[in-house]
Amino acid sequence: MKKIIIGLIILLLFLGYTPYHELNNLAVVDTIGIDFSNNKYYLYLNVINDDNKVYTVTGNSLGEVFLKARNIDNKKTYYKHLEVVVFNTNTLDNTTINFFKDEFTSIDYLVFATEDKISDLFKNYHKRRDYKNFIRKEKEMSGSIINTTFKEVLSSNSDNIKDAAIPLISYKDNIISKGIFIPSKNIYLDKEIARASYLLNDKINTYNTNIIVDNKSYEVVLYDLKANTKYKDNTINIKISGNIDSPDSNDLITQKKKVTNILKDNIKELINSEKNNNYNISNTINHIYLNKRELNYTTYKNTNIKIDIDLSEKEKNNYD
């Protein structure tokens, strides 16, 4: 019997079992928010084993606020379950990026940016499931957001070919997607342009959109989408294929034409914005490099853009 008990104890240790009294002495954090106002940093922490209570810590630097937050209500702060970090856009600079690179790179958490006050956002949305549900819904319904981890942000910032693109959110009745934020360039792109970027990077293959035809609103779904980009004769050739359907209409000729024109306009706006501001989140400039071994924005700015979109009218089995 003694051998069985010892075996069970060893098994629990290997499985990472934490006795209740030890867990009770930890403040387990799953979501944090970081804001900067009146020359002070504000750190918001959602503690999941304390009835999802939000704690606020202030200081003159990130190092100071995290040092102050080592213990909360006589409990040691535990970040191993951290899954979501929300930054105010005014905090996303080299100081913040370098701090997190040094202190938190071992944790593969999701990251968002917002222009709203973190205190207001965290009043209603401070739990990881709030943001995970939001990502799932936006990804499935409109394709306007893709979950990004801080590791990916750091990797993008150290890459000369592309710039980090962080999902930009806001709140009203619910958390909503505003598009993406590029901290290295301090550039904001709306959700339609973000979606075009995701499409060109093969990060989405389905999205829903609403269009107005003859003063009537139609829900249209584009699915099985594929994007192909090539460079030839100083022209960026973009080919997009897929299917289109609508639960609101049996005749998709007009809807398809309108959706195609909107998508073309979004892609052109994205690429022209890249040319004017010297960033590369669509990766179209990479195709010039593959052909000419020349990666510079002078060449990119002088290219022509040709976009071909081929959507087949095909009934979709479901719209989940």
Protein backbone atom coordinates (compact mmCIF):
# COMPACT_ATOMS: atom_id res chain seq x y z
CA MET A 1 0.00 0.00 0.00
CA LYS A 2 2.88 2.31 0.86
CA LYS A 3 4.39 1.74 -2.60
CA ILE A 4 1.09 2.64 -4.24
CA ILE A 5 0.84 5.91 -2.29
CA ILE A 6 4.45 6.85 -3.11
CA GLY A 7 3.79 6.04 -6.77
CA LEU A 8 0.70 8.26 -6.82
CA ILE A 9 2.64 11.14 -5.25
CA ILE A 10 5.42 10.84 -7.87
CA LEU A 11 2.82 10.66 -10.66
CA LEU A 12 1.11 13.83 -9.38
CA LEU A 13 4.44 15.63 -9.22
CA PHE A 14 5.23 14.67 -12.82
CA LEU A 15 1.78 15.82 -13.93
CA GLY A 16 2.43 19.24 -12.39
CA TYR A 17 -0.15 18.87 -9.62
CA THR A 18 -0.32 21.94 -7.38
CA PRO A 19 -1.80 21.35 -3.91
CA TYR A 20 -4.83 23.50 -3.14
CA HIS A 21 -3.15 25.43 -0.34
CA GLU A 22 -0.29 26.37 -2.70
CA LEU A 23 -2.69 27.44 -5.45
CA ASN A 24 -4.57 29.49 -2.87
CA ASN A 25 -1.40 31.51 -2.28
CA LEU A 26 -1.09 32.44 -5.98
CA ALA A 27 -2.81 35.19 -7.95
CA VAL A 28 -3.29 33.38 -11.28
CA VAL A 29 -3.43 35.94 -14.12
CA ASP A 30 -4.86 35.12 -17.54
CA THR A 31 -5.42 38.61 -19.03
CA ILE A 32 -3.55 41.87 -18.62
CA GLY A 33 -3.96 45.37 -20.02
CA ILE A 34 -1.35 48.13 -20.26
CA ASP A 35 -2.13 51.83 -20.54
CA PHE A 36 -0.16 55.08 -20.30
CA SER A 37 -1.75 58.30 -19.07
CA ASN A 38 -0.55 61.42 -17.24
CA ASN A 39 3.05 60.15 -17.43
CA LYS A 40 2.09 56.99 -15.56
CA TYR A 41 1.87 53.36 -16.64
CA TYR A 42 -1.24 51.43 -15.63
CA LEU A 43 -1.27 47.66 -15.39
CA TYR A 44 -4.61 45.82 -15.23
CA LEU A 45 -4.59 42.16 -14.20
CA ASN A 46 -7.49 39.71 -14.30
CA VAL A 47 -7.01 37.12 -11.54
CA ILE A 48 -8.95 33.98 -12.43
CA ASN A 49 -8.82 32.28 -9.04
CA ASP A 50 -10.18 35.38 -7.30
CA ASP A 51 -13.63 35.52 -8.91
CA ASN A 52 -12.06 37.10 -12.02
CA LYS A 53 -11.27 40.25 -10.09
CA VAL A 54 -9.36 43.01 -11.91
CA TYR A 55 -6.45 44.61 -10.06
CA THR A 56 -4.82 47.91 -11.05
CA VAL A 57 -1.18 48.85 -10.45
CA THR A 58 0.44 52.19 -11.39
CA GLY A 59 4.06 53.29 -11.75
CA ASN A 60 6.54 55.45 -13.63
CA SER A 61 7.80 52.58 -15.81
CA LEU A 62 6.80 49.10 -16.92
CA GLY A 63 9.51 47.67 -14.70
CA GLU A 64 8.08 49.49 -11.70
CA VAL A 65 4.46 48.40 -12.25
CA PHE A 66 5.42 44.76 -12.76
CA LEU A 67 7.67 44.94 -9.69
CA LYS A 68 4.77 46.31 -7.65
CA ALA A 69 2.53 43.59 -9.09
CA ARG A 70 4.76 40.73 -7.89
CA ASN A 71 2.31 40.27 -5.03
CA ILE A 72 -1.42 41.01 -5.02
CA ASP A 73 -3.37 40.86 -1.75
CA ASN A 74 -0.48 38.92 -0.18
CA LYS A 75 -0.52 36.41 -3.04
CA LYS A 76 2.35 35.79 -5.44
CA THR A 77 1.43 36.79 -9.01
CA TYR A 78 1.51 33.80 -11.34
CA TYR A 79 1.74 34.44 -15.12
CA LYS A 80 2.08 30.90 -16.46
CA HIS A 81 -1.59 30.94 -17.50
CA LEU A 82 -1.39 34.34 -19.20
CA GLU A 83 -3.19 34.15 -22.56
CA VAL A 84 -4.22 37.68 -23.56
CA VAL A 85 -2.48 41.08 -23.40
CA VAL A 86 -4.22 44.29 -24.49
CA PHE A 87 -2.01 47.34 -25.12
CA ASN A 88 -3.15 50.89 -25.55
CA THR A 89 -1.60 52.04 -28.83
CA ASN A 90 0.29 54.82 -27.02
CA THR A 91 2.30 52.19 -25.11
CA LEU A 92 3.46 50.21 -28.13
CA ASP A 93 6.97 51.53 -28.66
CA ASN A 94 10.49 50.12 -28.56
CA THR A 95 10.61 50.43 -24.76
CA THR A 96 7.53 48.23 -24.35
CA ILE A 97 8.56 45.75 -27.03
CA ASN A 98 12.05 45.35 -25.55
CA PHE A 99 10.63 44.94 -22.04
CA PHE A 100 8.30 42.15 -23.11
CA LYS A 101 11.00 40.59 -25.24
CA ASP A 102 13.18 40.31 -22.12
CA GLU A 103 10.50 39.35 -19.60
CA PHE A 104 7.68 37.48 -21.33
CA THR A 105 8.91 35.80 -24.52
CA SER A 106 8.48 32.33 -23.02
CA ILE A 107 4.71 32.81 -23.01
CA ASP A 108 2.86 32.46 -26.31
CA TYR A 109 -0.08 34.77 -25.53
CA LEU A 110 -2.47 36.63 -27.81
CA VAL A 111 -1.95 40.36 -28.26
CA PHE A 112 -4.29 43.22 -29.15
CA ALA A 113 -4.04 46.99 -29.50
CA THR A 114 -6.75 49.50 -28.66
CA GLU A 115 -7.12 53.27 -28.72
CA ASP A 116 -9.66 53.09 -25.90
CA LYS A 117 -8.89 53.46 -22.23
CA ILE A 118 -7.94 50.06 -20.90
CA SER A 119 -9.81 50.84 -17.67
CA ASP A 120 -13.06 51.27 -19.61
CA LEU A 121 -12.40 48.17 -21.72
CA PHE A 122 -11.61 46.02 -18.68
CA LYS A 123 -14.80 47.02 -16.89
CA ASN A 124 -16.71 44.67 -19.18
CA TYR A 125 -14.10 42.65 -21.08
CA HIS A 126 -11.21 41.37 -18.98
CA LYS A 127 -11.42 37.59 -19.22
CA ARG A 128 -9.56 35.55 -21.80
CA ARG A 129 -12.78 33.91 -22.98
CA ASP A 130 -14.18 37.36 -23.88
CA TYR A 131 -11.38 37.91 -26.37
CA LYS A 132 -11.21 34.30 -27.58
CA ASN A 133 -14.93 34.32 -28.33
CA PHE A 134 -14.49 37.64 -30.12
CA ILE A 135 -11.67 36.26 -32.29
CA ARG A 136 -13.66 33.17 -33.22
CA LYS A 137 -16.75 35.21 -34.12
CA GLU A 138 -14.90 37.83 -36.19
CA LYS A 139 -12.81 35.22 -37.94
CA GLU A 140 -15.84 33.12 -38.86
CA MET A 141 -18.24 35.95 -39.72
CA SER A 142 -16.23 38.69 -41.39
CA GLY A 143 -12.62 37.53 -41.63
CA SER A 144 -11.52 40.93 -40.32
CA ILE A 145 -9.30 39.69 -37.50
CA ILE A 146 -6.62 37.04 -37.09
CA ASN A 147 -5.23 36.10 -33.70
CA THR A 148 -1.64 37.26 -33.29
CA THR A 149 0.81 36.24 -30.58
CA PHE A 150 3.48 38.47 -29.11
CA LYS A 151 6.15 36.10 -30.40
CA GLU A 152 4.91 36.82 -33.92
CA VAL A 153 4.98 40.55 -33.22
CA LEU A 154 8.58 40.38 -32.04
CA SER A 155 9.54 38.24 -35.02
CA SER A 156 7.92 40.69 -37.44
CA ASN A 157 9.67 43.66 -35.86
CA SER A 158 13.06 42.05 -36.37
CA ASP A 159 12.32 41.21 -40.00
CA ASN A 160 13.33 43.78 -42.62
CA ILE A 161 10.81 42.43 -45.13
CA LYS A 162 7.58 42.93 -43.17
CA ASP A 163 6.20 44.96 -40.28
CA ALA A 164 4.23 43.78 -37.28
CA ALA A 165 0.45 44.04 -37.67
CA ILE A 166 -1.48 43.88 -34.40
CA PRO A 167 -5.28 43.44 -34.33
CA LEU A 168 -6.91 46.73 -33.33
CA ILE A 169 -10.06 46.49 -31.23
CA SER A 170 -12.62 48.77 -29.64
CA TYR A 171 -15.80 48.28 -27.67
CA LYS A 172 -19.39 49.42 -27.76
CA ASP A 173 -22.12 46.92 -26.99
CA ASN A 174 -19.53 44.23 -27.73
CA ILE A 175 -15.84 44.08 -28.57
CA ILE A 176 -15.48 45.04 -32.22
CA SER A 177 -12.70 44.85 -34.79
CA LYS A 178 -11.31 48.20 -35.95
CA GLY A 179 -8.64 46.74 -38.24
CA ILE A 180 -4.91 46.47 -37.59
CA PHE A 181 -2.21 48.67 -36.08
CA ILE A 182 1.42 48.78 -37.24
CA PRO A 183 3.39 50.17 -34.27
CA SER A 184 6.71 50.48 -36.10
CA LYS A 185 5.08 52.91 -38.57
CA ASN A 186 2.28 54.20 -36.32
CA ILE A 187 -0.19 53.32 -39.07
CA TYR A 188 -3.83 52.25 -38.71
CA LEU A 189 -5.60 50.20 -41.37
CA ASP A 190 -9.36 49.64 -41.26
CA LYS A 191 -10.94 46.19 -41.10
CA GLU A 192 -11.62 45.91 -44.85
CA ILE A 193 -7.96 46.62 -45.66
CA ALA A 194 -6.89 44.21 -42.92
CA ARG A 195 -9.09 41.55 -44.49
CA ALA A 196 -7.48 42.14 -47.88
CA SER A 197 -4.08 41.66 -46.26
CA TYR A 198 -5.15 38.40 -44.61
CA LEU A 199 -6.53 37.18 -47.93
CA LEU A 200 -3.30 37.92 -49.84
CA ASN A 201 -1.35 36.12 -47.11
CA ASP A 202 -3.64 33.04 -47.23
CA LYS A 203 -4.72 33.57 -43.63
CA ILE A 204 -8.43 33.46 -44.44
CA ASN A 205 -10.40 31.51 -47.03
CA THR A 206 -13.95 32.53 -46.04
CA TYR A 207 -15.71 35.71 -45.01
CA ASN A 208 -19.18 37.22 -44.91
CA THR A 209 -20.08 40.72 -46.01
CA ASN A 210 -23.21 42.84 -46.41
CA ILE A 211 -23.82 44.86 -49.56
CA ILE A 212 -26.56 47.22 -50.70
CA VAL A 213 -28.18 46.70 -54.11
CA ASP A 214 -31.17 48.84 -55.12
CA ASN A 215 -31.62 49.97 -51.50
CA LYS A 216 -31.81 46.38 -50.32
CA SER A 217 -29.27 44.72 -48.04
CA TYR A 218 -27.84 41.31 -48.93
CA GLU A 219 -25.66 39.01 -46.89
CA VAL A 220 -23.01 37.47 -49.15
CA VAL A 221 -20.51 34.77 -48.28
CA LEU A 222 -17.24 34.23 -50.13
CA TYR A 223 -15.59 30.87 -49.45
CA ASP A 224 -12.87 28.48 -50.62
CA LEU A 225 -10.85 31.56 -51.48
CA LYS A 226 -7.31 31.27 -52.81
CA ALA A 227 -4.88 34.05 -53.65
CA ASN A 228 -1.94 33.84 -56.01
CA THR A 229 0.54 36.66 -56.61
CA LYS A 230 3.20 36.87 -59.32
CA TYR A 231 5.51 39.56 -60.66
CA LYS A 232 6.28 39.97 -64.35
CA ASP A 233 7.13 42.88 -66.66
CA ASN A 234 6.97 45.43 -63.85
CA THR A 235 3.44 44.30 -62.97
CA ILE A 236 2.10 42.74 -59.77
CA ASN A 237 -0.45 40.16 -60.95
CA ILE A 238 -2.93 39.10 -58.27
CA LYS A 239 -5.33 36.25 -58.96
CA ILE A 240 -8.13 35.42 -56.51
CA SER A 241 -10.49 32.50 -57.03
CA GLY A 242 -13.30 31.04 -54.95
CA ASN A 243 -17.04 30.67 -54.58
CA ILE A 244 -19.86 33.05 -53.77
CA ASP A 245 -23.33 32.47 -52.33
CA SER A 246 -26.06 34.39 -50.55
CA PRO A 247 -28.92 33.19 -48.33
CA ASP A 248 -30.82 36.30 -49.42
CA SER A 249 -30.72 35.91 -53.20
CA ASN A 250 -30.86 33.30 -55.95
CA ASP A 251 -29.54 35.67 -58.60
CA LEU A 252 -25.95 36.62 -57.72
CA ILE A 253 -24.90 38.44 -60.89
CA THR A 254 -25.28 41.95 -59.44
CA GLN A 255 -24.01 40.96 -55.98
CA LYS A 256 -20.95 39.24 -57.45
CA LYS A 257 -20.06 42.29 -59.53
CA LYS A 258 -20.36 44.61 -56.54
CA VAL A 259 -18.39 42.33 -54.19
CA THR A 260 -15.65 41.91 -56.82
CA ASN A 261 -15.30 45.67 -57.26
CA ILE A 262 -15.20 46.25 -53.49
CA LEU A 263 -12.51 43.60 -53.03
CA LYS A 264 -10.43 45.02 -55.89
CA ASP A 265 -10.68 48.49 -54.37
CA ASN A 266 -9.61 47.17 -50.94
CA ILE A 267 -6.57 45.40 -52.40
CA LYS A 268 -5.55 48.46 -54.43
CA GLU A 269 -5.91 50.68 -51.37
CA LEU A 270 -3.77 48.29 -49.33
CA ILE A 271 -0.98 48.10 -51.90
CA ASN A 272 -0.99 51.85 -52.61
CA SER A 273 -0.83 52.48 -48.87
CA GLU A 274 2.19 50.17 -48.70
CA LYS A 275 3.89 51.98 -51.56
CA ASN A 276 3.30 55.39 -50.01
CA ASN A 277 4.30 54.44 -46.47
CA ASN A 278 7.07 51.89 -47.06
CA TYR A 279 5.65 48.88 -45.27
CA ASN A 280 4.87 45.40 -46.48
CA ILE A 281 2.12 43.40 -44.82
CA SER A 282 0.59 42.08 -48.06
CA ASN A 283 3.96 40.51 -48.98
CA THR A 284 3.45 41.48 -52.63
CA ILE A 285 6.86 43.17 -52.64
CA ASN A 286 8.40 39.76 -51.87
CA HIS A 287 7.42 38.55 -55.34
CA ILE A 288 9.58 41.28 -56.87
CA TYR A 289 12.46 40.06 -54.73
CA LEU A 290 11.93 36.46 -55.82
CA ASN A 291 12.17 37.50 -59.47
CA LYS A 292 14.74 40.28 -59.38
CA ARG A 293 16.52 39.75 -56.05
CA GLU A 294 15.76 43.41 -55.49
CA LEU A 295 13.86 44.38 -52.36
CA ASN A 296 13.32 48.13 -52.29
CA TYR A 297 10.36 50.45 -52.30
CA THR A 298 11.53 52.49 -55.28
CA THR A 299 10.94 49.45 -57.49
CA TYR A 300 7.70 48.66 -55.69
CA LYS A 301 6.29 52.18 -56.15
CA ASN A 302 6.82 51.99 -59.90
CA THR A 303 5.00 48.69 -60.42
CA ASN A 304 1.60 48.31 -62.05
CA ILE A 305 -1.17 46.37 -60.32
CA LYS A 306 -3.40 43.86 -62.11
CA ILE A 307 -6.14 42.11 -60.13
CA ASP A 308 -8.22 39.23 -61.48
CA ILE A 309 -11.06 37.88 -59.30
CA ASP A 310 -12.97 34.78 -60.39
CA LEU A 311 -15.92 33.80 -58.16
CA SER A 312 -18.14 30.84 -59.01
CA GLU A 313 -21.79 30.92 -58.00
CA LYS A 314 -22.08 27.85 -55.82
CA GLU A 315 -24.49 27.06 -53.01
CA LYS A 316 -22.83 26.79 -49.63
CA ASN A 317 -23.99 23.95 -47.41
CA ASN A 318 -24.12 26.07 -44.25
CA TYR A 319 -23.31 29.56 -43.02
CA ASP A 320 -21.84 28.80 -39.59
